[in-house]
């Protein structure tokens, strides 16, 4: 049976964004639903009938107070330009980090997936399931979960504490508390979005490191500068760049830059490494799992689905 808590919280947050205080939200939830106006809380009425007014009032008051706290911590963005500016700041700070030393190329690739969804939604807060995240990034779900949790631990993402089992997880992008902005919002080239989830970046092929380096070589860079920027040991950098040069993905020796259109060459890499078609297979498998999940009911999950 649906307990309607999520519906009530969404309703309460909408009211809080309209400058309702806790008492006003409480009274709105306590109103009996009718067809003539926006409904109150079905759960409130059920608690009133089954456990009495004290229990129902306590639920409505608790929901109202949580909505006020949520809106205070997550101010509504009414201007998409404001959202874009704040997202640009976060991305600029992410671009400045040497992820090879900081948290790993895989975490940076997962963060890029979050940026994609935030831009699509036009805000810093969004819902994103683990399966969809893995599909966007071209990573295994287990790997994506590890990278996602790492980003939450580091503070790039804040997970909604009210998320429940069986529901799409909700996140908010933010500047980690240990990183300070200098006020300059200069982002690196986003050309890597077109091949973020390409099969050539599976672990058996170029991996997360290959994606990270290709995304950093939008313009010609000396090897030493690239090593410092990426946080990658020079010897490891030369090894992976050698593979990428041989695959015609980057050009140059002492200074390297990616080719104008890497997609055809990435297709060749994926074909040679036997990873071409993995993304399509994963999407098909995820769709089957979603259909099975819906058939079981929203409150039942397999161990593989627990995130």
Protein backbone atom coordinates (compact mmCIF):
# COMPACT_ATOMS: atom_id res chain seq x y z
CA UNK A 1 0.00 0.00 0.00
CA UNK A 2 1.35 3.45 -0.92
CA UNK A 3 1.82 5.59 2.21
CA UNK A 4 1.82 8.81 0.16
CA UNK A 5 4.75 10.28 2.13
CA UNK A 6 6.64 11.26 -1.00
CA UNK A 7 3.55 12.89 -2.52
CA UNK A 8 2.99 14.87 0.66
CA UNK A 9 6.60 16.01 0.81
CA UNK A 10 6.50 17.19 -2.80
CA UNK A 11 3.28 19.10 -2.04
CA UNK A 12 4.80 20.62 1.12
CA UNK A 13 7.95 21.71 -0.74
CA UNK A 14 5.86 23.38 -3.43
CA UNK A 15 4.04 25.33 -0.74
CA UNK A 16 7.31 26.25 1.00
CA UNK A 17 8.63 27.59 -2.30
CA UNK A 18 5.52 29.79 -2.39
CA UNK A 19 6.55 31.31 0.98
CA UNK A 20 4.15 29.25 3.13
CA UNK A 21 5.39 28.89 6.72
CA UNK A 22 5.25 25.63 8.70
CA UNK A 23 1.83 26.38 10.19
CA UNK A 24 0.30 27.14 6.80
CA UNK A 25 1.75 23.94 5.32
CA UNK A 26 0.50 21.97 8.33
CA UNK A 27 -3.04 23.29 7.83
CA UNK A 28 -2.92 22.55 4.08
CA UNK A 29 -1.92 18.94 4.73
CA UNK A 30 -4.62 18.54 7.37
CA UNK A 31 -7.40 19.67 5.04
CA UNK A 32 -9.63 16.91 3.78
CA UNK A 33 -9.01 16.23 0.06
CA UNK A 34 -11.76 17.30 -2.30
CA UNK A 35 -12.22 17.63 -6.03
CA UNK A 36 -12.67 21.42 -5.85
CA UNK A 37 -9.13 22.39 -4.84
CA UNK A 38 -5.57 21.13 -4.50
CA UNK A 39 -5.77 18.02 -2.30
CA UNK A 40 -4.49 17.78 1.24
CA UNK A 41 -2.86 14.62 2.55
CA UNK A 42 -4.46 11.22 2.05
CA UNK A 43 -2.01 9.81 4.59
CA UNK A 44 -3.09 12.40 7.16
CA UNK A 45 -6.70 11.26 6.79
CA UNK A 46 -5.71 7.61 7.11
CA UNK A 47 -3.70 8.30 10.27
CA UNK A 48 -6.60 10.34 11.63
CA UNK A 49 -8.96 7.39 11.12
CA UNK A 50 -6.59 4.68 12.34
CA UNK A 51 -4.46 6.31 15.08
CA UNK A 52 -6.19 9.51 16.03
CA UNK A 53 -5.61 13.24 15.65
CA UNK A 54 -2.39 13.39 17.66
CA UNK A 55 -0.60 10.94 15.36
CA UNK A 56 -2.00 12.60 12.23
CA UNK A 57 -1.06 16.11 13.44
CA UNK A 58 2.44 14.93 14.37
CA UNK A 59 2.92 13.53 10.85
CA UNK A 60 1.69 16.72 9.16
CA UNK A 61 3.81 18.94 11.44
CA UNK A 62 6.90 16.80 10.80
CA UNK A 63 6.37 16.94 7.04
CA UNK A 64 5.88 20.72 7.09
CA UNK A 65 9.04 21.30 9.11
CA UNK A 66 11.10 19.02 6.85
CA UNK A 67 9.86 20.92 3.79
CA UNK A 68 10.89 24.26 5.32
CA UNK A 69 14.37 22.90 6.09
CA UNK A 70 14.71 21.43 2.59
CA UNK A 71 13.80 24.69 0.85
CA UNK A 72 16.19 26.64 3.11
CA UNK A 73 19.04 24.27 2.19
CA UNK A 74 18.06 24.06 -1.49
CA UNK A 75 16.89 27.51 -2.58
CA UNK A 76 14.70 27.45 -5.62
CA UNK A 77 16.40 28.52 -8.84
CA UNK A 78 13.85 30.61 -10.70
CA UNK A 79 16.28 31.78 -13.36
CA UNK A 80 17.87 29.11 -15.58
CA UNK A 81 20.74 31.54 -16.20
CA UNK A 82 21.52 31.52 -12.48
CA UNK A 83 21.49 27.73 -12.50
CA UNK A 84 23.86 27.67 -15.48
CA UNK A 85 26.28 30.08 -13.78
CA UNK A 86 26.38 28.00 -10.61
CA UNK A 87 26.82 24.80 -12.61
CA UNK A 88 29.62 26.44 -14.61
CA UNK A 89 31.42 27.32 -11.39
CA UNK A 90 31.26 23.73 -10.15
CA UNK A 91 32.44 22.34 -13.48
CA UNK A 92 35.30 24.86 -13.66
CA UNK A 93 36.52 23.75 -10.25
CA UNK A 94 36.23 20.11 -11.29
CA UNK A 95 38.24 20.81 -14.46
CA UNK A 96 41.02 22.36 -12.38
CA UNK A 97 41.53 19.23 -10.25
CA UNK A 98 44.21 16.62 -11.09
CA UNK A 99 41.84 13.67 -10.92
CA UNK A 100 44.59 11.12 -11.44
CA UNK A 101 45.83 12.01 -7.96
CA UNK A 102 42.61 13.30 -6.44
CA UNK A 103 39.91 10.66 -6.88
CA UNK A 104 40.64 8.81 -10.10
CA UNK A 105 39.58 9.29 -13.74
CA UNK A 106 36.54 7.08 -13.18
CA UNK A 107 35.10 9.43 -10.58
CA UNK A 108 35.66 12.39 -12.93
CA UNK A 109 33.89 10.51 -15.73
CA UNK A 110 30.93 9.78 -13.43
CA UNK A 111 30.83 13.45 -12.42
CA UNK A 112 30.65 14.41 -16.09
CA UNK A 113 27.56 12.23 -16.34
CA UNK A 114 26.01 14.18 -13.47
CA UNK A 115 26.84 17.44 -15.26
CA UNK A 116 25.05 16.14 -18.37
CA UNK A 117 21.87 15.43 -16.42
CA UNK A 118 22.01 18.75 -14.52
CA UNK A 119 22.30 20.68 -17.78
CA UNK A 120 19.43 18.71 -19.27
CA UNK A 121 17.25 19.43 -16.22
CA UNK A 122 18.29 23.09 -16.04
CA UNK A 123 19.19 22.96 -12.34
CA UNK A 124 21.63 21.62 -9.77
CA UNK A 125 19.14 19.11 -8.29
CA UNK A 126 18.00 16.05 -10.19
CA UNK A 127 16.94 12.44 -9.88
CA UNK A 128 19.24 9.85 -11.40
CA UNK A 129 19.04 6.08 -11.12
CA UNK A 130 22.19 3.98 -10.97
CA UNK A 131 21.33 2.20 -14.22
CA UNK A 132 20.82 5.43 -16.17
CA UNK A 133 24.03 6.85 -14.70
CA UNK A 134 25.95 3.78 -15.84
CA UNK A 135 24.44 4.04 -19.31
CA UNK A 136 25.40 7.72 -19.63
CA UNK A 137 28.99 7.07 -18.55
CA UNK A 138 29.49 3.72 -20.24
CA UNK A 139 30.57 2.13 -16.96
CA UNK A 140 29.50 -1.04 -15.18
CA UNK A 141 26.81 -0.38 -12.57
CA UNK A 142 29.12 -1.60 -9.80
CA UNK A 143 31.83 0.82 -10.94
CA UNK A 144 29.35 3.68 -11.23
CA UNK A 145 28.10 3.01 -7.71
CA UNK A 146 31.65 3.17 -6.36
CA UNK A 147 32.35 6.40 -8.24
CA UNK A 148 29.03 7.93 -7.19
CA UNK A 149 29.65 7.15 -3.52
CA UNK A 150 33.15 8.59 -3.82
CA UNK A 151 31.74 11.85 -5.22
CA UNK A 152 29.22 12.00 -2.38
CA UNK A 153 31.96 11.41 0.20
CA UNK A 154 34.11 14.15 -1.35
CA UNK A 155 31.21 16.59 -1.41
CA UNK A 156 30.65 17.09 -5.15
CA UNK A 157 27.21 15.54 -4.75
CA UNK A 158 24.74 15.73 -1.89
CA UNK A 159 22.29 12.87 -1.75
CA UNK A 160 18.73 13.49 -0.62
CA UNK A 161 18.42 11.97 2.85
CA UNK A 162 14.71 11.31 2.35
CA UNK A 163 15.25 8.84 -0.51
CA UNK A 164 13.49 5.52 -0.02
CA UNK A 165 14.10 2.01 -1.28
CA UNK A 166 12.67 1.46 -4.72
CA UNK A 167 12.72 5.13 -5.68
CA UNK A 168 15.07 6.99 -8.00
CA UNK A 169 17.89 8.54 -5.97
CA UNK A 170 18.02 12.34 -5.90
CA UNK A 171 21.18 14.44 -5.82
CA UNK A 172 22.34 18.03 -5.75
CA UNK A 173 25.60 19.23 -7.29
CA UNK A 174 27.65 21.54 -5.11
CA UNK A 175 31.14 22.88 -4.48
CA UNK A 176 32.90 20.57 -2.00
CA UNK A 177 33.63 22.28 1.32
CA UNK A 178 37.37 21.62 1.00
CA UNK A 179 37.61 23.50 -2.33
CA UNK A 180 37.50 27.27 -2.60
CA UNK A 181 36.55 29.20 -5.72
CA UNK A 182 38.69 32.03 -7.04
CA UNK A 183 35.71 33.49 -8.86
CA UNK A 184 36.91 32.51 -12.35
CA UNK A 185 34.49 30.28 -14.18
CA UNK A 186 36.54 28.95 -17.09
CA UNK A 187 35.53 25.47 -18.17
CA UNK A 188 37.44 23.06 -20.31
CA UNK A 189 36.05 22.00 -23.67
CA UNK A 190 33.01 19.72 -23.36
CA UNK A 191 33.63 17.79 -26.56
CA UNK A 192 33.98 14.62 -24.48
CA UNK A 193 30.21 14.58 -23.98
CA UNK A 194 29.74 13.09 -27.44
CA UNK A 195 31.76 10.02 -26.53
CA UNK A 196 31.39 9.91 -22.74
CA UNK A 197 29.75 6.49 -22.83
CA UNK A 198 31.59 5.05 -25.82
CA UNK A 199 32.50 1.36 -25.69
CA UNK A 200 36.15 2.21 -26.40
CA UNK A 201 36.42 3.37 -22.78
CA UNK A 202 35.49 0.05 -21.24
CA UNK A 203 38.14 -1.35 -18.86
CA UNK A 204 39.25 -3.91 -21.46
CA UNK A 205 39.98 -1.09 -23.93
CA UNK A 206 41.10 2.47 -23.06
CA UNK A 207 39.26 2.65 -19.75
CA UNK A 208 38.39 5.73 -17.71
CA UNK A 209 41.93 7.04 -18.07
CA UNK A 210 41.60 7.06 -21.85
CA UNK A 211 38.41 9.13 -21.62
CA UNK A 212 39.99 11.53 -19.14
CA UNK A 213 43.08 12.15 -21.25
CA UNK A 214 41.11 12.54 -24.46
CA UNK A 215 38.90 15.12 -22.76
CA UNK A 216 41.99 17.10 -21.67
CA UNK A 217 43.60 17.26 -25.10
CA UNK A 218 41.12 19.54 -26.86
CA UNK A 219 44.12 21.73 -27.67
CA UNK A 220 47.80 20.91 -28.03
CA UNK A 221 49.51 20.35 -24.66
CA UNK A 222 53.13 19.53 -23.75
CA UNK A 223 53.46 16.13 -22.10
CA UNK A 224 54.76 17.61 -18.84
CA UNK A 225 51.85 20.03 -18.61
CA UNK A 226 49.38 17.25 -19.35
CA UNK A 227 50.96 15.04 -16.69
CA UNK A 228 50.61 17.78 -14.07
CA UNK A 229 47.11 18.76 -15.15
CA UNK A 230 45.85 15.17 -15.06
CA UNK A 231 47.83 14.03 -12.01
CA UNK A 232 49.17 11.06 -13.98
CA UNK A 233 52.68 9.66 -13.65
CA UNK A 234 54.72 10.56 -16.79
CA UNK A 235 55.59 6.92 -17.52
CA UNK A 236 51.95 5.81 -17.28
CA UNK A 237 50.94 8.82 -19.36
CA UNK A 238 53.37 7.93 -22.15
CA UNK A 239 52.12 4.33 -22.20
CA UNK A 240 48.45 5.20 -22.66
CA UNK A 241 49.23 8.04 -25.07
CA UNK A 242 51.27 5.62 -27.15
CA UNK A 243 48.20 3.43 -27.51
CA UNK A 244 46.05 6.44 -28.38
CA UNK A 245 48.54 7.74 -30.96
CA UNK A 246 48.65 4.29 -32.57
CA UNK A 247 44.82 4.38 -32.69
CA UNK A 248 44.93 7.81 -34.41
CA UNK A 249 43.01 9.42 -31.53
CA UNK A 250 45.74 11.95 -30.70
CA UNK A 251 48.58 13.44 -32.71
CA UNK A 252 51.98 14.77 -31.70
CA UNK A 253 55.01 13.57 -29.78
CA UNK A 254 56.30 16.18 -27.33
CA UNK A 255 52.98 18.00 -27.57
CA UNK A 256 49.73 16.15 -28.13
CA UNK A 257 46.20 17.03 -29.16
CA UNK A 258 43.18 14.91 -30.00
CA UNK A 259 41.88 14.64 -33.54
CA UNK A 260 38.91 16.73 -34.60
CA UNK A 261 36.46 13.81 -34.72
CA UNK A 262 37.52 10.84 -32.55
CA UNK A 263 34.32 8.81 -33.01
CA UNK A 264 35.38 6.74 -36.06
CA UNK A 265 38.69 5.87 -34.42
CA UNK A 266 36.97 5.02 -31.12
CA UNK A 267 34.73 2.62 -33.05
CA UNK A 268 37.85 0.89 -34.41
CA UNK A 269 39.36 0.62 -30.91
CA UNK A 270 36.14 -0.87 -29.50
CA UNK A 271 35.94 -3.35 -32.38
CA UNK A 272 39.53 -4.48 -31.95
CA UNK A 273 39.19 -4.82 -28.17
CA UNK A 274 35.89 -6.68 -28.43
CA UNK A 275 33.86 -4.10 -26.51
CA UNK A 276 31.74 -2.66 -29.33
CA UNK A 277 28.06 -3.17 -28.55
CA UNK A 278 28.47 -3.40 -24.78
CA UNK A 279 26.49 -0.21 -24.17
CA UNK A 280 23.58 -1.45 -26.26
CA UNK A 281 23.64 -4.77 -24.43
CA UNK A 282 23.69 -3.02 -21.05
CA UNK A 283 20.75 -0.81 -21.98
CA UNK A 284 18.74 -3.82 -23.09
CA UNK A 285 19.58 -5.67 -19.86
CA UNK A 286 18.70 -2.62 -17.75
CA UNK A 287 15.36 -2.31 -19.52
CA UNK A 288 14.55 -5.95 -18.78
CA UNK A 289 15.47 -5.39 -15.13
CA UNK A 290 13.28 -2.27 -14.95
CA UNK A 291 10.30 -4.16 -16.35
CA UNK A 292 10.82 -7.02 -13.90
CA UNK A 293 11.19 -4.51 -11.09
CA UNK A 294 7.92 -2.78 -11.94
CA UNK A 295 6.18 -6.13 -12.15
CA UNK A 296 7.34 -7.03 -8.63
CA UNK A 297 6.33 -3.71 -7.08
CA UNK A 298 8.22 -0.56 -6.14
CA UNK A 299 9.17 -1.69 -2.64
CA UNK A 300 10.96 -4.90 -3.66
CA UNK A 301 14.53 -4.94 -4.94
CA UNK A 302 17.12 -7.53 -5.77
CA UNK A 303 20.57 -7.34 -4.14
CA UNK A 304 21.99 -6.04 -7.45
CA UNK A 305 19.56 -3.10 -7.37
CA UNK A 306 20.43 -1.98 -3.85
CA UNK A 307 22.57 1.15 -4.19
